[in-house]
Structures are given as C-alpha cells and as structure tokens.
Protein backbone atom coordinates (compact mmCIF):
# COMPACT_ATOMS: atom_id res chain seq x y z
CA MET A 1 -104.74 210.82 -37.51
CA LYS A 2 -103.06 212.78 -34.70
CA LYS A 3 -103.21 211.35 -31.24
CA ILE A 4 -104.50 213.61 -28.49
CA ILE A 5 -102.44 213.30 -25.34
CA LEU A 6 -104.29 214.27 -22.18
CA PRO A 7 -102.46 215.86 -19.23
CA ALA A 8 -101.20 213.36 -16.70
CA ILE A 9 -103.90 214.24 -14.14
CA LEU A 10 -106.64 211.74 -13.39
CA PHE A 11 -110.13 213.15 -12.90
CA LEU A 12 -113.13 211.06 -11.93
CA VAL A 13 -116.16 212.98 -13.20
CA MET A 14 -119.71 212.41 -12.00
CA PRO A 15 -122.80 214.59 -12.47
CA SER A 16 -122.09 217.98 -10.86
CA ILE A 17 -119.08 216.76 -8.92
CA VAL A 18 -115.38 216.17 -9.50
CA LEU A 19 -113.20 214.01 -7.28
CA ILE A 20 -109.78 215.64 -7.68
CA LYS A 21 -107.93 214.18 -4.70
CA PRO A 22 -108.85 211.35 -2.36
CA GLY A 23 -111.39 212.64 0.15
CA VAL A 24 -111.84 216.03 -1.52
CA LEU A 25 -115.20 216.80 -3.11
CA SER A 26 -115.53 219.70 -5.51
CA GLU A 27 -118.82 220.84 -7.02
CA VAL A 28 -119.02 222.08 -10.59
CA ARG A 29 -121.87 223.75 -12.40
CA VAL A 30 -123.53 221.63 -15.08
CA GLN A 31 -124.48 223.28 -18.34
CA ASN A 32 -127.84 222.95 -20.14
CA ARG A 33 -129.77 221.74 -17.15
CA ARG A 34 -131.96 223.67 -14.69
CA THR A 35 -131.50 227.42 -14.39
CA VAL A 36 -131.83 229.33 -11.13
CA ASN A 37 -135.06 230.90 -12.37
CA GLU A 38 -136.52 227.51 -13.27
CA VAL A 39 -135.77 226.24 -9.77
CA ILE A 40 -137.23 229.36 -8.13
CA ASN A 41 -140.42 229.11 -10.17
CA SER A 42 -140.85 225.46 -9.25
CA ILE A 43 -140.36 225.87 -5.48
CA GLU A 44 -141.65 229.38 -4.77
CA ASN A 45 -145.17 228.61 -3.54
CA SER A 46 -144.03 225.77 -1.31
CA VAL A 47 -141.11 227.74 0.12
CA LEU A 48 -143.19 230.81 0.96
CA GLU A 49 -145.72 228.60 2.72
CA ARG A 50 -143.01 226.90 4.77
CA LEU A 51 -141.40 230.25 5.65
CA GLY A 52 -144.79 231.57 6.73
CA ILE A 53 -144.62 234.68 4.54
CA SER A 54 -146.66 235.80 1.54
CA SER A 55 -143.73 237.35 -0.34
CA ILE A 56 -140.12 238.39 0.04
CA GLY A 57 -140.96 242.01 -0.75
CA GLY A 58 -140.69 243.30 2.82
CA TYR A 59 -137.13 242.06 3.33
CA ASP A 60 -133.85 243.42 2.01
CA SER A 61 -131.01 241.41 3.61
CA LEU A 62 -130.21 237.91 4.82
CA THR A 63 -127.65 236.79 7.39
CA LEU A 64 -126.96 233.13 8.09
CA ILE A 65 -125.17 232.23 11.32
CA ALA A 66 -123.67 228.75 11.51
CA ILE A 67 -122.72 227.61 15.03
CA LYS A 68 -120.50 224.58 14.71
CA ASP A 69 -120.65 223.12 18.22
CA GLU A 70 -124.48 223.26 18.17
CA LYS A 71 -124.62 222.15 14.51
CA ILE A 72 -127.27 224.72 13.64
CA LEU A 73 -127.72 227.41 11.00
CA GLU A 74 -129.73 230.47 12.03
CA CYS A 75 -131.59 232.34 9.30
CA TRP A 76 -132.06 236.08 9.98
CA LEU A 77 -134.05 238.38 7.67
CA LYS A 78 -133.89 242.17 7.81
CA SER A 79 -137.08 244.22 7.52
CA ASP A 80 -137.41 247.95 8.26
CA SER A 81 -133.89 248.01 9.73
CA LYS A 82 -134.78 245.23 12.17
CA TRP A 83 -133.32 241.71 12.12
CA ILE A 84 -135.81 238.87 12.59
CA LEU A 85 -134.87 235.27 13.36
CA GLN A 86 -136.88 233.48 10.68
CA LYS A 87 -135.77 229.88 11.21
CA ILE A 88 -133.12 227.62 12.68
CA TYR A 89 -131.89 224.75 10.53
CA PRO A 90 -130.03 221.77 12.01
CA PHE A 91 -126.99 220.52 10.11
CA THR A 92 -127.72 217.16 8.49
CA GLY A 93 -124.04 216.25 8.43
CA TYR A 94 -120.79 217.43 9.97
CA SER A 95 -117.06 216.94 9.53
CA GLY A 96 -113.92 218.13 11.27
CA ASP A 97 -113.57 219.78 14.68
CA LEU A 98 -113.96 223.25 16.17
CA GLY A 99 -111.38 225.66 14.79
CA PRO A 100 -110.74 227.32 11.42
CA LYS A 101 -110.10 225.53 8.16
CA LEU A 102 -106.35 225.55 7.54
CA ARG A 103 -105.70 223.58 4.37
CA ARG A 104 -107.24 221.49 1.61
CA GLY A 105 -108.39 218.08 2.73
CA ASP A 106 -108.48 218.80 6.49
CA ARG A 107 -112.28 218.25 6.51
CA GLN A 108 -112.76 221.47 8.49
CA ILE A 109 -115.74 223.77 8.07
CA PRO A 110 -114.24 227.27 7.75
CA GLU A 111 -114.79 229.93 10.42
CA GLY A 112 -115.22 233.56 9.52
CA ILE A 113 -117.47 236.06 7.79
CA TYR A 114 -118.28 235.18 4.21
CA GLY A 115 -120.25 236.25 1.17
CA VAL A 116 -121.93 234.16 -1.52
CA GLU A 117 -120.20 233.71 -4.87
CA TYR A 118 -122.90 231.92 -6.84
CA LEU A 119 -125.94 229.66 -6.71
CA ASN A 120 -125.74 226.15 -8.15
CA PRO A 121 -129.15 224.84 -9.32
CA ASN A 122 -127.57 221.59 -10.50
CA SER A 123 -125.62 220.59 -7.44
CA ARG A 124 -124.65 216.99 -6.77
CA PHE A 125 -126.32 217.72 -3.43
CA TYR A 126 -129.61 218.93 -4.95
CA LEU A 127 -129.17 222.73 -4.58
CA SER A 128 -126.30 224.77 -3.19
CA PHE A 129 -124.57 228.11 -3.00
CA LYS A 130 -120.83 228.69 -2.78
CA LEU A 131 -119.14 230.75 -0.09
CA ASN A 132 -116.16 232.97 -0.87
CA TYR A 133 -113.71 230.88 1.14
CA PRO A 134 -110.82 231.58 1.28
CA ASN A 135 -111.56 235.26 1.76
CA ALA A 136 -109.00 238.04 2.29
CA THR A 137 -108.76 237.31 6.02
CA ASP A 138 -108.17 233.58 5.43
CA ILE A 139 -105.41 234.36 2.95
CA LEU A 140 -103.74 236.88 5.26
CA ASN A 141 -103.80 234.46 8.20
CA ALA A 142 -102.37 231.69 6.03
CA GLU A 143 -99.50 233.98 5.05
CA ARG A 144 -98.82 234.63 8.73
CA ASP A 145 -98.56 230.85 9.26
CA LYS A 146 -96.74 230.26 5.95
CA ARG A 147 -99.56 227.93 4.87
CA THR A 148 -100.48 227.29 1.23
CA ASP A 149 -103.25 225.39 -0.60
CA LEU A 150 -106.08 226.48 1.68
CA GLY A 151 -108.71 224.57 -0.26
CA ASP A 152 -111.91 226.01 -1.73
CA ASP A 153 -115.36 224.88 -2.88
CA ILE A 154 -117.14 225.43 0.43
CA PHE A 155 -120.92 225.26 -0.04
CA ILE A 156 -124.13 225.30 1.92
CA HIS A 157 -126.14 222.54 0.26
CA GLY A 158 -128.81 219.88 0.50
CA ASP A 159 -128.47 216.17 1.28
CA ARG A 160 -126.51 215.02 4.34
CA VAL A 161 -123.01 214.39 2.97
CA THR A 162 -120.13 216.72 3.79
CA ILE A 163 -116.37 217.11 3.84
CA GLY A 164 -116.08 220.65 5.14
CA CYS A 165 -119.36 222.07 3.80
CA ILE A 166 -122.66 222.70 5.61
CA PRO A 167 -125.52 220.38 4.58
CA VAL A 168 -129.06 221.17 5.73
CA GLY A 169 -131.17 218.65 3.78
CA ASP A 170 -133.09 219.06 0.54
CA LYS A 171 -136.24 220.79 1.82
CA LYS A 172 -134.30 223.29 3.90
CA ILE A 173 -131.85 224.17 1.13
CA GLU A 174 -134.83 225.07 -1.05
CA GLU A 175 -135.74 227.80 1.43
CA LEU A 176 -132.20 229.16 1.70
CA PHE A 177 -131.60 228.92 -2.06
CA TYR A 178 -134.82 230.85 -2.66
CA LEU A 179 -133.90 233.59 -0.17
CA VAL A 180 -130.40 234.05 -1.58
CA ALA A 181 -131.73 234.16 -5.15
CA LYS A 182 -134.50 236.63 -4.37
CA LEU A 183 -132.53 238.99 -2.11
CA GLY A 184 -129.37 238.87 -4.22
CA LYS A 185 -125.98 237.57 -3.16
CA ARG A 186 -124.72 241.10 -2.40
CA ASN A 187 -127.29 241.28 0.38
CA VAL A 188 -126.31 237.97 1.98
CA LYS A 189 -123.77 237.43 4.75
CA VAL A 190 -122.72 234.08 6.23
CA ILE A 191 -121.12 234.00 9.68
CA ILE A 192 -119.53 230.69 10.68
CA SER A 193 -118.55 230.45 14.35
CA PRO A 194 -117.11 227.63 16.45
CA ILE A 195 -119.45 228.48 19.36
CA ASP A 196 -122.22 230.97 20.11
CA PHE A 197 -120.22 234.00 21.27
CA ARG A 198 -123.47 235.67 22.33
CA LYS A 199 -123.60 233.14 25.17
CA THR A 200 -119.93 232.81 26.08
CA ARG A 201 -116.59 234.40 25.18
CA ASP A 202 -114.47 231.47 26.34
CA ILE A 203 -111.61 231.00 23.89
CA PRO A 204 -109.33 227.96 24.37
CA ILE A 205 -106.02 228.73 26.09
CA GLY A 206 -103.12 228.61 23.66
CA THR A 207 -105.15 229.78 20.68
CA LYS A 208 -102.98 231.56 18.10
CA ASP A 209 -103.15 235.36 18.05
CA TRP A 210 -104.79 235.48 14.63
CA VAL A 211 -107.46 232.99 15.73
CA THR A 212 -108.25 235.15 18.78
CA GLU A 213 -108.52 238.17 16.46
CA LEU A 214 -110.81 236.22 14.13
CA TYR A 215 -113.04 235.14 17.00
CA ASN A 216 -113.27 238.73 18.23
CA ASP A 217 -114.40 239.80 14.76
CA ILE A 218 -116.98 237.00 14.60
CA SER A 219 -118.24 237.87 18.08
CA LYS A 220 -118.78 241.52 17.10
CA GLU A 221 -120.70 240.49 13.98
CA MET A 222 -122.96 238.20 16.00
CA GLU A 223 -123.86 240.83 18.63
CA VAL A 224 -126.51 242.41 16.39
CA PHE A 225 -128.46 239.17 16.14
CA ARG A 226 -130.30 238.74 19.43
C-alpha cells in the first residue's frame, strides 16, 4: 500500500473555521448543510417583523456604514431614489485601533468602500457575509508602501468574537443576511470609516498621503447618508 504524504503545513480544522496561523481566524463554507434559501425561509417572517416592514419589494439597494470609533453599523435602505436609515446596530465585539488594515494578523478592521463577495449560511459565527477586502484600492496602497500579505477573510457576522471582522450578534446578523440575500450582493455597499466624517473632518497630523486620500473618498461616500 502506498503511503500518502501530506504537505508540511499544519491545519486545525473545526466546523466552518480554519486556524491557519496563531491568532488568525478564517471562515470556510461547509458543504451539505444549510443553504441560503433555507436560512431565508426560516427567518423571513421574524426578520420582517423586526425591521418593521411587510416586504422588501419597495427597496432596491443597501448601504452599511461602519463607524469604528462609535462601534456602530448603520443600515441604510434605498427606496424611490431616497436613502432611509433603517436601523443602527452596535458592534458586539471589536479588535485593533483606528486606522486601515495593513497586513495579515494585525487585528485591524479594514477601512474603505467594499462590496460583498458571498453569503455564508454555515458560518462558525452563525451567519455571515464576506467583504471584498483587499480591494483594488487596498492593493494599490500596499504597493505604495511595499507591503505584502494584506490578509483576507473579513466578514460581517453574528456572535461577539472578532479578530478584524465586524460582529453584530446573532439576531442582528439575521436581518443583515436577509437584506443582502434579498437585494443581491451587487446592490450592497459597505463603507467602513474610522470616524463619522459627516460630523468632523479632523484627520490625525502625520497621516500618510494615501490614508488622507482614502479618508477623503470615504467622506464623500458618506455625505449622501444624512
């Protein structure tokens, strides 16, 4: 019988999660468990009641604004070309400091303007959806700094555990998961900001040029949501 030699990389595998390096959590999708549609069907009535709406039919877009220093996630829905602040969700956990994510393992929540890559109905943290970090801007800024290994696997999820993600608790992630699934990921934007630039434009002295540029872009994106 031939022996099978595994690569010399040690993986500790648990349901829906892989610990690849010390202190780095990475979600994976689990096969043959709940589907997105099964989750949506099971939570729909409860979620609509909590959101205070009868259906999602009157809405076409969703923007989530995470403000790190306030540890809140604003949920804005668009209806008839008008943005409506539907809810504000407090973070249930937090890691890192203000400032962009620079590299894998730095525990930082990224800052920027992101899309959604996919929904995970079998998350280690109940439900989740993955952001497209690092995006093109993150990669360009890393090249300017000559940084590599920017990290990945940044999610908005349930529970209250985090190393660079945004947890909002199990009940609240049901609402966000439902909205993303129903409106479609192409119609979802996630803005992550260190502070609320609608209230102040104070940027720390000594901030790198590319960070100032990033904050200007974030500020412009946030202006619509008042």
